[in-house]
All heavy atoms as atom14 arrays in JSON, in Angstrom:
{
  "sequence": "APLALMYVSRWSSAEKAAEFAGIYARSLQKRYK",
  "atom14_mask": [
    [1, 1, 1, 1, 1, 0, 0, 0, 0, 0, 0, 0, 0, 0],
    [1, 1, 1, 1, 1, 1, 1, 0, 0, 0, 0, 0, 0, 0],
    [1, 1, 1, 1, 1, 1, 1, 1, 0, 0, 0, 0, 0, 0],
    [1, 1, 1, 1, 1, 0, 0, 0, 0, 0, 0, 0, 0, 0],
    [1, 1, 1, 1, 1, 1, 1, 1, 0, 0, 0, 0, 0, 0],
    [1, 1, 1, 1, 1, 1, 1, 1, 0, 0, 0, 0, 0, 0],
    [1, 1, 1, 1, 1, 1, 1, 1, 1, 1, 1, 1, 0, 0],
    [1, 1, 1, 1, 1, 1, 1, 0, 0, 0, 0, 0, 0, 0],
    [1, 1, 1, 1, 1, 1, 0, 0, 0, 0, 0, 0, 0, 0],
    [1, 1, 1, 1, 1, 1, 1, 1, 1, 1, 1, 0, 0, 0],
    [1, 1, 1, 1, 1, 1, 1, 1, 1, 1, 1, 1, 1, 1],
    [1, 1, 1, 1, 1, 1, 0, 0, 0, 0, 0, 0, 0, 0],
    [1, 1, 1, 1, 1, 1, 0, 0, 0, 0, 0, 0, 0, 0],
    [1, 1, 1, 1, 1, 0, 0, 0, 0, 0, 0, 0, 0, 0],
    [1, 1, 1, 1, 1, 1, 1, 1, 1, 0, 0, 0, 0, 0],
    [1, 1, 1, 1, 1, 1, 1, 1, 1, 0, 0, 0, 0, 0],
    [1, 1, 1, 1, 1, 0, 0, 0, 0, 0, 0, 0, 0, 0],
    [1, 1, 1, 1, 1, 0, 0, 0, 0, 0, 0, 0, 0, 0],
    [1, 1, 1, 1, 1, 1, 1, 1, 1, 0, 0, 0, 0, 0],
    [1, 1, 1, 1, 1, 1, 1, 1, 1, 1, 1, 0, 0, 0],
    [1, 1, 1, 1, 1, 0, 0, 0, 0, 0, 0, 0, 0, 0],
    [1, 1, 1, 1, 0, 0, 0, 0, 0, 0, 0, 0, 0, 0],
    [1, 1, 1, 1, 1, 1, 1, 1, 0, 0, 0, 0, 0, 0],
    [1, 1, 1, 1, 1, 1, 1, 1, 1, 1, 1, 1, 0, 0],
    [1, 1, 1, 1, 1, 0, 0, 0, 0, 0, 0, 0, 0, 0],
    [1, 1, 1, 1, 1, 1, 1, 1, 1, 1, 1, 0, 0, 0],
    [1, 1, 1, 1, 1, 1, 0, 0, 0, 0, 0, 0, 0, 0],
    [1, 1, 1, 1, 1, 1, 1, 1, 0, 0, 0, 0, 0, 0],
    [1, 1, 1, 1, 1, 1, 1, 1, 1, 0, 0, 0, 0, 0],
    [1, 1, 1, 1, 1, 1, 1, 1, 1, 0, 0, 0, 0, 0],
    [1, 1, 1, 1, 1, 1, 1, 1, 1, 1, 1, 0, 0, 0],
    [1, 1, 1, 1, 1, 1, 1, 1, 1, 1, 1, 1, 0, 0],
    [1, 1, 1, 1, 1, 1, 1, 1, 1, 0, 0, 0, 0, 0]
  ],
  "atom14_positions": [
    [[-50.47, 9.71, -31.55], [-51.22, 10.83, -32.09], [-50.19, 11.95, -32.56], [-49.11, 12.04, -32.01], [-52.17, 11.42, -31.03], [0.0, 0.0, 0.0], [0.0, 0.0, 0.0], [0.0, 0.0, 0.0], [0.0, 0.0, 0.0], [0.0, 0.0, 0.0], [0.0, 0.0, 0.0], [0.0, 0.0, 0.0], [0.0, 0.0, 0.0], [0.0, 0.0, 0.0]],
    [[-50.66, 12.76, -33.46], [-49.84, 13.91, -33.85], [-49.55, 14.81, -32.71], [-50.3, 14.88, -31.73], [-50.68, 14.64, -34.93], [-51.69, 13.67, -35.33], [-51.92, 12.76, -34.19], [0.0, 0.0, 0.0], [0.0, 0.0, 0.0], [0.0, 0.0, 0.0], [0.0, 0.0, 0.0], [0.0, 0.0, 0.0], [0.0, 0.0, 0.0], [0.0, 0.0, 0.0]],
    [[-48.39, 15.44, -32.75], [-48.02, 16.43, -31.71], [-49.03, 17.65, -31.74], [-49.31, 18.14, -32.85], [-46.6, 16.94, -32.02], [-45.9, 17.72, -30.94], [-45.73, 16.81, -29.61], [-44.56, 18.17, -31.38], [0.0, 0.0, 0.0], [0.0, 0.0, 0.0], [0.0, 0.0, 0.0], [0.0, 0.0, 0.0], [0.0, 0.0, 0.0], [0.0, 0.0, 0.0]],
    [[-49.54, 17.98, -30.66], [-50.5, 19.09, -30.48], [-49.71, 20.32, -30.06], [-48.72, 20.23, -29.37], [-51.52, 18.73, -29.47], [0.0, 0.0, 0.0], [0.0, 0.0, 0.0], [0.0, 0.0, 0.0], [0.0, 0.0, 0.0], [0.0, 0.0, 0.0], [0.0, 0.0, 0.0], [0.0, 0.0, 0.0], [0.0, 0.0, 0.0], [0.0, 0.0, 0.0]],
    [[-50.17, 21.45, -30.47], [-49.49, 22.75, -30.24], [-50.45, 23.86, -29.89], [-51.46, 24.05, -30.49], [-48.67, 23.09, -31.5], [-48.02, 24.49, -31.5], [-46.83, 24.53, -30.58], [-47.63, 24.86, -32.9], [0.0, 0.0, 0.0], [0.0, 0.0, 0.0], [0.0, 0.0, 0.0], [0.0, 0.0, 0.0], [0.0, 0.0, 0.0], [0.0, 0.0, 0.0]],
    [[-50.07, 24.62, -28.86], [-50.71, 25.88, -28.61], [-49.6, 26.97, -28.74], [-48.54, 26.75, -28.22], [-51.19, 25.9, -27.16], [-51.86, 27.3, -26.91], [-51.64, 27.88, -25.14], [-49.91, 27.85, -24.9], [0.0, 0.0, 0.0], [0.0, 0.0, 0.0], [0.0, 0.0, 0.0], [0.0, 0.0, 0.0], [0.0, 0.0, 0.0], [0.0, 0.0, 0.0]],
    [[-49.88, 27.96, -29.49], [-48.9, 29.13, -29.63], [-49.63, 30.42, -29.45], [-50.67, 30.6, -30.06], [-48.23, 29.0, -31.05], [-47.38, 30.26, -31.3], [-46.37, 30.66, -30.49], [-47.58, 30.96, -32.51], [-45.59, 31.76, -30.75], [-46.83, 32.11, -32.77], [-45.83, 32.5, -31.94], [-45.06, 33.56, -32.17], [0.0, 0.0, 0.0], [0.0, 0.0, 0.0]],
    [[-49.12, 31.29, -28.64], [-49.7, 32.6, -28.43], [-48.63, 33.62, -28.73], [-47.48, 33.54, -28.33], [-50.16, 32.77, -26.97], [-50.67, 34.15, -26.65], [-51.25, 31.77, -26.64], [0.0, 0.0, 0.0], [0.0, 0.0, 0.0], [0.0, 0.0, 0.0], [0.0, 0.0, 0.0], [0.0, 0.0, 0.0], [0.0, 0.0, 0.0], [0.0, 0.0, 0.0]],
    [[-49.05, 34.67, -29.46], [-48.09, 35.76, -29.69], [-48.79, 37.08, -29.6], [-50.0, 37.19, -29.81], [-47.42, 35.63, -31.09], [-48.45, 35.76, -32.13], [0.0, 0.0, 0.0], [0.0, 0.0, 0.0], [0.0, 0.0, 0.0], [0.0, 0.0, 0.0], [0.0, 0.0, 0.0], [0.0, 0.0, 0.0], [0.0, 0.0, 0.0], [0.0, 0.0, 0.0]],
    [[-48.06, 38.08, -29.11], [-48.61, 39.46, -28.96], [-47.79, 40.41, -29.95], [-46.67, 40.15, -30.14], [-48.43, 39.92, -27.55], [-49.33, 41.14, -27.23], [-49.4, 41.37, -25.77], [-48.1, 41.38, -25.06], [-47.4, 42.57, -24.82], [-47.89, 43.67, -25.18], [-46.27, 42.45, -24.23], [0.0, 0.0, 0.0], [0.0, 0.0, 0.0], [0.0, 0.0, 0.0]],
    [[-48.55, 41.4, -30.45], [-48.03, 42.24, -31.51], [-48.17, 43.74, -31.13], [-48.92, 44.03, -30.16], [-48.73, 41.89, -32.83], [-48.38, 40.5, -33.23], [-49.03, 39.41, -32.8], [-47.26, 40.13, -34.0], [-48.32, 38.33, -33.34], [-47.21, 38.73, -34.04], [-46.17, 40.83, -34.61], [-46.24, 37.98, -34.72], [-45.21, 40.12, -35.28], [-45.27, 38.72, -35.35]],
    [[-47.58, 44.59, -31.85], [-47.61, 46.03, -31.52], [-49.02, 46.64, -31.81], [-49.28, 47.7, -31.27], [-46.56, 46.79, -32.39], [-46.87, 46.65, -33.77], [0.0, 0.0, 0.0], [0.0, 0.0, 0.0], [0.0, 0.0, 0.0], [0.0, 0.0, 0.0], [0.0, 0.0, 0.0], [0.0, 0.0, 0.0], [0.0, 0.0, 0.0], [0.0, 0.0, 0.0]],
    [[-49.77, 45.94, -32.56], [-51.15, 46.48, -32.86], [-52.02, 45.33, -33.33], [-51.53, 44.22, -33.72], [-51.08, 47.54, -34.0], [-50.71, 46.97, -35.27], [0.0, 0.0, 0.0], [0.0, 0.0, 0.0], [0.0, 0.0, 0.0], [0.0, 0.0, 0.0], [0.0, 0.0, 0.0], [0.0, 0.0, 0.0], [0.0, 0.0, 0.0], [0.0, 0.0, 0.0]],
    [[-53.36, 45.61, -33.37], [-54.25, 44.54, -33.87], [-53.99, 44.27, -35.4], [-54.16, 43.1, -35.8], [-55.72, 45.1, -33.68], [0.0, 0.0, 0.0], [0.0, 0.0, 0.0], [0.0, 0.0, 0.0], [0.0, 0.0, 0.0], [0.0, 0.0, 0.0], [0.0, 0.0, 0.0], [0.0, 0.0, 0.0], [0.0, 0.0, 0.0], [0.0, 0.0, 0.0]],
    [[-53.63, 45.28, -36.11], [-53.37, 45.1, -37.53], [-52.17, 44.15, -37.77], [-52.19, 43.29, -38.56], [-53.02, 46.4, -38.26], [-52.72, 46.24, -39.71], [-52.44, 47.62, -40.37], [-52.67, 48.65, -39.81], [-51.94, 47.5, -41.53], [0.0, 0.0, 0.0], [0.0, 0.0, 0.0], [0.0, 0.0, 0.0], [0.0, 0.0, 0.0], [0.0, 0.0, 0.0]],
    [[-51.11, 44.36, -36.98], [-49.96, 43.46, -37.12], [-50.25, 42.04, -36.65], [-49.8, 41.05, -37.25], [-48.75, 44.02, -36.3], [-48.23, 45.38, -36.86], [-47.9, 45.32, -38.26], [-47.49, 46.68, -38.76], [-47.28, 46.69, -40.27], [0.0, 0.0, 0.0], [0.0, 0.0, 0.0], [0.0, 0.0, 0.0], [0.0, 0.0, 0.0], [0.0, 0.0, 0.0]],
    [[-51.13, 41.92, -35.67], [-51.54, 40.59, -35.22], [-52.33, 39.89, -36.27], [-52.09, 38.72, -36.59], [-52.35, 40.69, -33.9], [0.0, 0.0, 0.0], [0.0, 0.0, 0.0], [0.0, 0.0, 0.0], [0.0, 0.0, 0.0], [0.0, 0.0, 0.0], [0.0, 0.0, 0.0], [0.0, 0.0, 0.0], [0.0, 0.0, 0.0], [0.0, 0.0, 0.0]],
    [[-53.19, 40.61, -36.91], [-54.02, 40.07, -38.02], [-53.09, 39.68, -39.22], [-53.38, 38.76, -39.97], [-55.12, 41.05, -38.44], [0.0, 0.0, 0.0], [0.0, 0.0, 0.0], [0.0, 0.0, 0.0], [0.0, 0.0, 0.0], [0.0, 0.0, 0.0], [0.0, 0.0, 0.0], [0.0, 0.0, 0.0], [0.0, 0.0, 0.0], [0.0, 0.0, 0.0]],
    [[-52.07, 40.52, -39.47], [-51.17, 40.23, -40.55], [-50.43, 38.91, -40.3], [-50.3, 38.06, -41.12], [-50.17, 41.4, -40.65], [-49.36, 41.4, -41.93], [-48.6, 42.68, -42.08], [-49.02, 43.8, -41.55], [-47.56, 42.64, -42.71], [0.0, 0.0, 0.0], [0.0, 0.0, 0.0], [0.0, 0.0, 0.0], [0.0, 0.0, 0.0], [0.0, 0.0, 0.0]],
    [[-49.93, 38.79, -39.05], [-49.26, 37.49, -38.71], [-50.19, 36.36, -38.74], [-49.82, 35.2, -39.33], [-48.64, 37.61, -37.24], [-48.04, 36.28, -36.82], [-46.75, 35.92, -37.35], [-48.69, 35.46, -35.97], [-46.28, 34.7, -36.98], [-48.11, 34.24, -35.52], [-46.97, 33.85, -36.06], [0.0, 0.0, 0.0], [0.0, 0.0, 0.0], [0.0, 0.0, 0.0]],
    [[-51.44, 36.51, -38.3], [-52.44, 35.44, -38.33], [-52.66, 35.0, -39.75], [-52.76, 33.78, -40.06], [-53.72, 35.86, -37.68], [0.0, 0.0, 0.0], [0.0, 0.0, 0.0], [0.0, 0.0, 0.0], [0.0, 0.0, 0.0], [0.0, 0.0, 0.0], [0.0, 0.0, 0.0], [0.0, 0.0, 0.0], [0.0, 0.0, 0.0], [0.0, 0.0, 0.0]],
    [[-52.72, 35.95, -40.7], [-52.92, 35.68, -42.08], [-51.67, 34.9, -42.7], [-51.93, 33.92, -43.46], [0.0, 0.0, 0.0], [0.0, 0.0, 0.0], [0.0, 0.0, 0.0], [0.0, 0.0, 0.0], [0.0, 0.0, 0.0], [0.0, 0.0, 0.0], [0.0, 0.0, 0.0], [0.0, 0.0, 0.0], [0.0, 0.0, 0.0], [0.0, 0.0, 0.0]],
    [[-50.52, 35.19, -42.28], [-49.31, 34.49, -42.79], [-49.36, 33.08, -42.21], [-49.08, 32.1, -42.89], [-48.07, 35.28, -42.33], [-47.91, 36.51, -43.17], [-46.77, 34.39, -42.52], [-46.89, 37.55, -42.63], [0.0, 0.0, 0.0], [0.0, 0.0, 0.0], [0.0, 0.0, 0.0], [0.0, 0.0, 0.0], [0.0, 0.0, 0.0], [0.0, 0.0, 0.0]],
    [[-49.65, 32.97, -40.93], [-49.71, 31.68, -40.31], [-50.77, 30.77, -41.0], [-50.55, 29.58, -41.31], [-50.0, 31.74, -38.8], [-49.58, 30.49, -38.03], [-48.38, 30.44, -37.34], [-50.42, 29.4, -38.04], [-47.99, 29.32, -36.65], [-50.06, 28.22, -37.31], [-48.82, 28.21, -36.56], [-48.47, 27.12, -35.95], [0.0, 0.0, 0.0], [0.0, 0.0, 0.0]],
    [[-51.88, 31.35, -41.23], [-53.01, 30.64, -41.99], [-52.49, 30.12, -43.38], [-52.78, 29.0, -43.74], [-54.28, 31.47, -42.11], [0.0, 0.0, 0.0], [0.0, 0.0, 0.0], [0.0, 0.0, 0.0], [0.0, 0.0, 0.0], [0.0, 0.0, 0.0], [0.0, 0.0, 0.0], [0.0, 0.0, 0.0], [0.0, 0.0, 0.0], [0.0, 0.0, 0.0]],
    [[-51.79, 31.06, -44.09], [-51.3, 30.69, -45.39], [-50.3, 29.53, -45.32], [-50.22, 28.69, -46.21], [-50.73, 31.97, -46.05], [-50.31, 31.69, -47.49], [-49.97, 33.0, -48.2], [-49.05, 33.78, -47.4], [-48.66, 35.01, -47.69], [-49.2, 35.62, -48.68], [-47.78, 35.68, -46.94], [0.0, 0.0, 0.0], [0.0, 0.0, 0.0], [0.0, 0.0, 0.0]],
    [[-49.56, 29.44, -44.18], [-48.6, 28.38, -44.01], [-49.18, 27.01, -43.98], [-48.52, 25.97, -44.26], [-47.7, 28.65, -42.82], [-48.36, 28.2, -41.65], [0.0, 0.0, 0.0], [0.0, 0.0, 0.0], [0.0, 0.0, 0.0], [0.0, 0.0, 0.0], [0.0, 0.0, 0.0], [0.0, 0.0, 0.0], [0.0, 0.0, 0.0], [0.0, 0.0, 0.0]],
    [[-50.42, 26.9, -43.54], [-51.09, 25.61, -43.39], [-51.11, 24.83, -44.64], [-50.95, 23.59, -44.63], [-52.5, 25.82, -42.85], [-52.65, 26.52, -41.45], [-54.08, 26.61, -41.08], [-51.83, 25.75, -40.4], [0.0, 0.0, 0.0], [0.0, 0.0, 0.0], [0.0, 0.0, 0.0], [0.0, 0.0, 0.0], [0.0, 0.0, 0.0], [0.0, 0.0, 0.0]],
    [[-51.26, 25.5, -45.79], [-51.31, 24.82, -47.05], [-50.0, 24.18, -47.42], [-49.98, 23.21, -48.15], [-51.72, 25.8, -48.2], [-53.1, 26.35, -48.03], [-54.22, 25.36, -47.93], [-54.19, 24.31, -48.58], [-55.18, 25.57, -47.08], [0.0, 0.0, 0.0], [0.0, 0.0, 0.0], [0.0, 0.0, 0.0], [0.0, 0.0, 0.0], [0.0, 0.0, 0.0]],
    [[-48.9, 24.73, -46.93], [-47.62, 24.15, -47.11], [-47.14, 23.12, -46.13], [-46.4, 22.25, -46.41], [-46.54, 25.31, -47.15], [-46.66, 26.28, -48.28], [-45.74, 27.4, -48.19], [-45.99, 28.43, -49.27], [-45.04, 29.5, -49.2], [0.0, 0.0, 0.0], [0.0, 0.0, 0.0], [0.0, 0.0, 0.0], [0.0, 0.0, 0.0], [0.0, 0.0, 0.0]],
    [[-47.72, 23.21, -44.91], [-47.38, 22.35, -43.85], [-48.19, 21.09, -43.74], [-47.77, 20.06, -43.13], [-47.47, 23.08, -42.51], [-46.39, 24.27, -42.47], [-46.48, 25.07, -41.22], [-46.76, 24.25, -40.04], [-47.76, 24.52, -39.22], [-48.59, 25.53, -39.34], [-47.97, 23.74, -38.19], [0.0, 0.0, 0.0], [0.0, 0.0, 0.0], [0.0, 0.0, 0.0]],
    [[-49.38, 21.09, -44.32], [-50.25, 19.93, -44.26], [-50.61, 19.46, -45.69], [-50.68, 20.32, -46.6], [-51.58, 20.29, -43.55], [-51.33, 20.52, -42.05], [-51.35, 21.77, -41.58], [-51.28, 19.47, -41.2], [-51.1, 22.04, -40.19], [-51.13, 19.64, -39.81], [-51.03, 20.92, -39.34], [-50.86, 21.12, -38.01], [0.0, 0.0, 0.0], [0.0, 0.0, 0.0]],
    [[-50.88, 18.19, -45.86], [-51.25, 17.72, -47.17], [-52.62, 18.22, -47.46], [-53.0, 18.53, -48.66], [-51.27, 16.16, -47.2], [-49.94, 15.54, -47.1], [-50.05, 14.02, -47.02], [-48.62, 13.44, -46.78], [-48.72, 12.06, -46.42], [0.0, 0.0, 0.0], [0.0, 0.0, 0.0], [0.0, 0.0, 0.0], [0.0, 0.0, 0.0], [0.0, 0.0, 0.0]]
  ]
}
């Protein structure tokens, strides 16, 4: 089976957390077919 991952990160503010979450979401299109 594919490697499963859990990743947790904390940020200076909710806005910065949401910004990182958006970047991570955008990365999915490049990381998966």
